[in-house]
């Protein structure tokens, strides 16, 4: 499991935990629910399916960066579709990736 530290431009830690504990934007989940399931009020099954898909895609992106030897990523360099669901808007600057125990 990957752990992330998300830091703003002032080097303040905004998030320091496992990837699966990222705060999520409800609006993005609902928008994806409408897109995938035509469901503006997603049930638990649709909600969890969308969350799993977004986290999987983000984790896959993170792992591809690790394969290139990158352990620190500039926020703006991460494709928007890979980060749009993360509910941290305090001027994120970079993400540090670690393996958890």
C-alpha atoms as a PDB file:
ATOM      1  CA  UNK A   1       0.000   0.000   0.000  1.00  0.00           C
ATOM      2  CA  UNK A   2       1.231   3.475  -0.850  1.00  0.00           C
ATOM      3  CA  UNK A   3       1.400   6.326   1.621  1.00  0.00           C
ATOM      4  CA  UNK A   4       1.308   9.911   0.454  1.00  0.00           C
ATOM      5  CA  UNK A   5       2.415  13.180   1.942  1.00  0.00           C
ATOM      6  CA  UNK A   6       0.783  16.144   0.245  1.00  0.00           C
ATOM      7  CA  UNK A   7       2.471  19.490   0.840  1.00  0.00           C
ATOM      8  CA  UNK A   8       1.539  23.062  -0.054  1.00  0.00           C
ATOM      9  CA  UNK A   9       3.857  25.794  -1.348  1.00  0.00           C
ATOM     10  CA  UNK A  10       4.756  26.805   2.233  1.00  0.00           C
ATOM     11  CA  UNK A  11       5.867  23.217   3.025  1.00  0.00           C
ATOM     12  CA  UNK A  12       2.837  22.685   5.259  1.00  0.00           C
ATOM     13  CA  UNK A  13       1.686  19.062   5.304  1.00  0.00           C
ATOM     14  CA  UNK A  14      -1.939  18.872   4.136  1.00  0.00           C
ATOM     15  CA  UNK A  15      -2.233  15.082   4.102  1.00  0.00           C
ATOM     16  CA  UNK A  16      -0.009  12.309   5.417  1.00  0.00           C
ATOM     17  CA  UNK A  17      -1.644   8.891   5.243  1.00  0.00           C
ATOM     18  CA  UNK A  18      -2.403   5.883   3.084  1.00  0.00           C
ATOM     19  CA  UNK A  19      -3.708   6.484  -0.407  1.00  0.00           C
ATOM     20  CA  UNK A  20      -7.031   4.813   0.457  1.00  0.00           C
ATOM     21  CA  UNK A  21      -7.642   7.500   3.109  1.00  0.00           C
ATOM     22  CA  UNK A  22      -7.514  10.434   0.695  1.00  0.00           C
ATOM     23  CA  UNK A  23     -10.380  12.886   1.222  1.00  0.00           C
ATOM     24  CA  UNK A  24     -12.776  12.688  -1.713  1.00  0.00           C
ATOM     25  CA  UNK A  25     -14.857  15.335  -3.490  1.00  0.00           C
ATOM     26  CA  UNK A  26     -18.478  14.301  -3.297  1.00  0.00           C
ATOM     27  CA  UNK A  27     -19.396  16.327  -6.391  1.00  0.00           C
ATOM     28  CA  UNK A  28     -16.865  14.437  -8.539  1.00  0.00           C
ATOM     29  CA  UNK A  29     -18.212  11.101  -7.302  1.00  0.00           C
ATOM     30  CA  UNK A  30     -21.780  12.170  -8.101  1.00  0.00           C
ATOM     31  CA  UNK A  31     -20.738  13.447 -11.548  1.00  0.00           C
ATOM     32  CA  UNK A  32     -19.055  10.100 -12.279  1.00  0.00           C
ATOM     33  CA  UNK A  33     -22.152   8.281 -11.005  1.00  0.00           C
ATOM     34  CA  UNK A  34     -24.276  10.191 -13.496  1.00  0.00           C
ATOM     35  CA  UNK A  35     -21.763   9.473 -16.263  1.00  0.00           C
ATOM     36  CA  UNK A  36     -21.350   5.741 -15.571  1.00  0.00           C
ATOM     37  CA  UNK A  37     -24.719   4.776 -14.112  1.00  0.00           C
ATOM     38  CA  UNK A  38     -27.103   7.656 -14.924  1.00  0.00           C
ATOM     39  CA  UNK A  39     -27.549   7.876 -11.154  1.00  0.00           C
ATOM     40  CA  UNK A  40     -27.517  11.374  -9.561  1.00  0.00           C
ATOM     41  CA  UNK A  41     -28.042   9.861  -6.125  1.00  0.00           C
ATOM     42  CA  UNK A  42     -25.621   6.924  -6.042  1.00  0.00           C
ATOM     43  CA  UNK A  43     -26.371   3.965  -3.852  1.00  0.00           C
ATOM     44  CA  UNK A  44     -23.572   2.431  -1.810  1.00  0.00           C
ATOM     45  CA  UNK A  45     -22.698  -0.009  -4.599  1.00  0.00           C
ATOM     46  CA  UNK A  46     -22.350   2.716  -7.246  1.00  0.00           C
ATOM     47  CA  UNK A  47     -20.557   5.036  -4.804  1.00  0.00           C
ATOM     48  CA  UNK A  48     -18.000   2.426  -3.778  1.00  0.00           C
ATOM     49  CA  UNK A  49     -17.490   1.300  -7.381  1.00  0.00           C
ATOM     50  CA  UNK A  50     -16.638   4.842  -8.452  1.00  0.00           C
ATOM     51  CA  UNK A  51     -14.344   5.439  -5.477  1.00  0.00           C
ATOM     52  CA  UNK A  52     -12.509   2.179  -6.138  1.00  0.00           C
ATOM     53  CA  UNK A  53     -12.100   3.066  -9.813  1.00  0.00           C
ATOM     54  CA  UNK A  54     -10.725   6.542  -9.066  1.00  0.00           C
ATOM     55  CA  UNK A  55      -8.354   5.284  -6.362  1.00  0.00           C
ATOM     56  CA  UNK A  56      -7.197   2.448  -8.627  1.00  0.00           C
ATOM     57  CA  UNK A  57      -6.486   4.864 -11.483  1.00  0.00           C
ATOM     58  CA  UNK A  58      -4.602   7.210  -9.153  1.00  0.00           C
ATOM     59  CA  UNK A  59      -2.616   4.336  -7.656  1.00  0.00           C
ATOM     60  CA  UNK A  60      -1.768   3.052 -11.147  1.00  0.00           C
ATOM     61  CA  UNK A  61      -0.505   6.511 -12.075  1.00  0.00           C
ATOM     62  CA  UNK A  62       1.544   6.727  -8.855  1.00  0.00           C
ATOM     63  CA  UNK A  63       3.065   3.300  -9.503  1.00  0.00           C
ATOM     64  CA  UNK A  64       3.994   4.281 -13.069  1.00  0.00           C
ATOM     65  CA  UNK A  65       5.850   7.269 -11.651  1.00  0.00           C
ATOM     66  CA  UNK A  66       7.643   5.065  -9.126  1.00  0.00           C
ATOM     67  CA  UNK A  67       8.796   2.814 -11.978  1.00  0.00           C
ATOM     68  CA  UNK A  68      10.406   5.905 -13.508  1.00  0.00           C
ATOM     69  CA  UNK A  69      12.179   6.554 -10.196  1.00  0.00           C
ATOM     70  CA  UNK A  70       9.986   9.495  -9.184  1.00  0.00           C
ATOM     71  CA  UNK A  71       9.083   9.666  -5.488  1.00  0.00           C
ATOM     72  CA  UNK A  72       8.140  13.349  -5.486  1.00  0.00           C
ATOM     73  CA  UNK A  73       5.567  14.671  -7.926  1.00  0.00           C
ATOM     74  CA  UNK A  74       4.668  18.279  -8.612  1.00  0.00           C
ATOM     75  CA  UNK A  75       0.884  18.584  -8.227  1.00  0.00           C
ATOM     76  CA  UNK A  76       0.397  20.449 -11.504  1.00  0.00           C
ATOM     77  CA  UNK A  77       2.268  17.712 -13.390  1.00  0.00           C
ATOM     78  CA  UNK A  78      -0.228  15.058 -12.284  1.00  0.00           C
ATOM     79  CA  UNK A  79      -2.957  14.780 -14.964  1.00  0.00           C
ATOM     80  CA  UNK A  80      -6.160  16.510 -13.848  1.00  0.00           C
ATOM     81  CA  UNK A  81      -8.260  13.381 -14.410  1.00  0.00           C
ATOM     82  CA  UNK A  82      -6.019  11.532 -11.933  1.00  0.00           C
ATOM     83  CA  UNK A  83      -6.293  14.136  -9.159  1.00  0.00           C
ATOM     84  CA  UNK A  84      -9.657  15.845  -9.654  1.00  0.00           C
ATOM     85  CA  UNK A  85     -11.418  13.713  -7.025  1.00  0.00           C
ATOM     86  CA  UNK A  86      -8.994  14.570  -4.202  1.00  0.00           C
ATOM     87  CA  UNK A  87     -10.558  17.049  -1.790  1.00  0.00           C
ATOM     88  CA  UNK A  88      -7.497  19.080  -0.858  1.00  0.00           C
ATOM     89  CA  UNK A  89      -7.582  22.592  -2.266  1.00  0.00           C
ATOM     90  CA  UNK A  90      -5.131  24.518  -0.078  1.00  0.00           C
ATOM     91  CA  UNK A  91      -2.570  25.301  -2.769  1.00  0.00           C
ATOM     92  CA  UNK A  92      -1.132  21.815  -3.142  1.00  0.00           C
ATOM     93  CA  UNK A  93       2.439  21.912  -4.421  1.00  0.00           C
ATOM     94  CA  UNK A  94       3.801  18.372  -4.353  1.00  0.00           C
ATOM     95  CA  UNK A  95       3.144  14.764  -3.427  1.00  0.00           C
ATOM     96  CA  UNK A  96       5.733  12.517  -1.789  1.00  0.00           C
ATOM     97  CA  UNK A  97       5.196   8.769  -2.251  1.00  0.00           C
ATOM     98  CA  UNK A  98       6.273   6.094   0.239  1.00  0.00           C
ATOM     99  CA  UNK A  99       5.669   2.395   0.746  1.00  0.00           C
ATOM    100  CA  UNK A 100       3.746   1.662   3.953  1.00  0.00           C
ATOM    101  CA  UNK A 101       4.647  -1.116   6.345  1.00  0.00           C
END
